[in-house]
Amino acid sequence: MLKDPVCGKRLNHNKAHILIEYNGVQYGLCCPKCQSEFEHSPQTYAKPELGEKVKKIAHPPHRRPQS
């Protein structure tokens, strides 16, 4: 369950208008108006406790081909 950081509406991932990642945290927004507000001023609305931390996929180290 996510909480729209602009209007406070609670959302499921699959019901969100859009999911936006900002500073390693994913935020769910309920409508185009909230999306616009968030994109205009993300530092105002981005609070990590209202989103979900994005999990980074670890890539294996690069290996040189053997000769």
C-alpha atoms as a PDB file:
ATOM      1  CA  MET A   1       0.000   0.000   0.000  1.00  0.00           C
ATOM      2  CA  LEU A   2       1.325   3.442  -0.967  1.00  0.00           C
ATOM      3  CA  LYS A   3       0.200   6.897   0.029  1.00  0.00           C
ATOM      4  CA  ASP A   4       0.062   9.654  -2.578  1.00  0.00           C
ATOM      5  CA  PRO A   5       2.489  12.252  -1.178  1.00  0.00           C
ATOM      6  CA  VAL A   6       0.544  15.144  -2.726  1.00  0.00           C
ATOM      7  CA  CYS A   7      -3.062  14.483  -1.670  1.00  0.00           C
ATOM      8  CA  GLY A   8      -2.622  11.715   0.922  1.00  0.00           C
ATOM      9  CA  LYS A   9      -4.840   9.155  -0.824  1.00  0.00           C
ATOM     10  CA  ARG A  10      -3.930   5.514  -0.086  1.00  0.00           C
ATOM     11  CA  LEU A  11      -3.289   3.398  -3.213  1.00  0.00           C
ATOM     12  CA  ASN A  12      -2.369  -0.088  -4.295  1.00  0.00           C
ATOM     13  CA  HIS A  13       0.529  -0.342  -6.757  1.00  0.00           C
ATOM     14  CA  ASN A  14      -1.762  -1.567  -9.524  1.00  0.00           C
ATOM     15  CA  LYS A  15      -4.297   1.249  -8.930  1.00  0.00           C
ATOM     16  CA  ALA A  16      -1.795   4.130  -9.041  1.00  0.00           C
ATOM     17  CA  HIS A  17      -2.001   6.534 -11.979  1.00  0.00           C
ATOM     18  CA  ILE A  18       1.814   6.468 -12.141  1.00  0.00           C
ATOM     19  CA  LEU A  19       4.795   5.335 -10.066  1.00  0.00           C
ATOM     20  CA  ILE A  20       7.692   7.804  -9.950  1.00  0.00           C
ATOM     21  CA  GLU A  21      11.157   7.124  -8.576  1.00  0.00           C
ATOM     22  CA  TYR A  22      12.885  10.010  -6.818  1.00  0.00           C
ATOM     23  CA  ASN A  23      16.145   9.677  -4.859  1.00  0.00           C
ATOM     24  CA  GLY A  24      15.858   5.886  -4.662  1.00  0.00           C
ATOM     25  CA  VAL A  25      12.265   5.886  -3.416  1.00  0.00           C
ATOM     26  CA  GLN A  26       9.218   5.014  -5.514  1.00  0.00           C
ATOM     27  CA  TYR A  27       6.075   7.120  -5.026  1.00  0.00           C
ATOM     28  CA  GLY A  28       2.575   6.316  -6.219  1.00  0.00           C
ATOM     29  CA  LEU A  29       0.443   9.158  -7.507  1.00  0.00           C
ATOM     30  CA  CYS A  30      -3.321   8.905  -7.960  1.00  0.00           C
ATOM     31  CA  CYS A  31      -3.992  11.257 -10.888  1.00  0.00           C
ATOM     32  CA  PRO A  32      -2.416  13.576 -13.496  1.00  0.00           C
ATOM     33  CA  LYS A  33      -2.913  16.613 -11.225  1.00  0.00           C
ATOM     34  CA  CYS A  34      -0.928  15.032  -8.363  1.00  0.00           C
ATOM     35  CA  GLN A  35       1.695  13.861 -10.867  1.00  0.00           C
ATOM     36  CA  SER A  36       2.117  17.414 -12.149  1.00  0.00           C
ATOM     37  CA  GLU A  37       2.391  18.839  -8.621  1.00  0.00           C
ATOM     38  CA  PHE A  38       4.974  16.215  -7.641  1.00  0.00           C
ATOM     39  CA  GLU A  39       7.046  16.699 -10.807  1.00  0.00           C
ATOM     40  CA  HIS A  40       6.966  20.497 -10.398  1.00  0.00           C
ATOM     41  CA  SER A  41       8.310  20.375  -6.843  1.00  0.00           C
ATOM     42  CA  PRO A  42       9.452  16.876  -5.824  1.00  0.00           C
ATOM     43  CA  GLN A  43      11.552  18.128  -2.899  1.00  0.00           C
ATOM     44  CA  THR A  44       8.333  19.434  -1.307  1.00  0.00           C
ATOM     45  CA  TYR A  45       6.450  16.131  -1.519  1.00  0.00           C
ATOM     46  CA  ALA A  46       9.130  13.433  -1.482  1.00  0.00           C
ATOM     47  CA  LYS A  47       9.106  11.887   1.976  1.00  0.00           C
ATOM     48  CA  PRO A  48      10.648   8.394   2.119  1.00  0.00           C
ATOM     49  CA  GLU A  49       8.045   7.172   4.617  1.00  0.00           C
ATOM     50  CA  LEU A  50       5.304   7.750   1.987  1.00  0.00           C
ATOM     51  CA  GLY A  51       6.993   5.634  -0.696  1.00  0.00           C
ATOM     52  CA  GLU A  52       8.893   2.408  -1.047  1.00  0.00           C
ATOM     53  CA  LYS A  53      12.652   2.109  -1.300  1.00  0.00           C
ATOM     54  CA  VAL A  54      13.692   0.887  -4.750  1.00  0.00           C
ATOM     55  CA  LYS A  55      15.643  -2.342  -4.719  1.00  0.00           C
ATOM     56  CA  LYS A  56      18.666  -2.264  -6.983  1.00  0.00           C
ATOM     57  CA  ILE A  57      19.543  -5.395  -8.910  1.00  0.00           C
ATOM     58  CA  ALA A  58      23.123  -6.437  -8.342  1.00  0.00           C
ATOM     59  CA  HIS A  59      25.009  -7.123 -11.546  1.00  0.00           C
ATOM     60  CA  PRO A  60      27.805  -9.685 -11.575  1.00  0.00           C
ATOM     61  CA  PRO A  61      31.310  -8.244 -11.946  1.00  0.00           C
ATOM     62  CA  HIS A  62      32.601  -7.811 -15.486  1.00  0.00           C
ATOM     63  CA  ARG A  63      34.920 -10.632 -16.540  1.00  0.00           C
ATOM     64  CA  ARG A  64      37.472 -10.552 -19.287  1.00  0.00           C
ATOM     65  CA  PRO A  65      37.306 -13.320 -21.868  1.00  0.00           C
ATOM     66  CA  GLN A  66      39.993 -15.925 -21.362  1.00  0.00           C
ATOM     67  CA  SER A  67      42.689 -16.162 -24.017  1.00  0.00           C
END
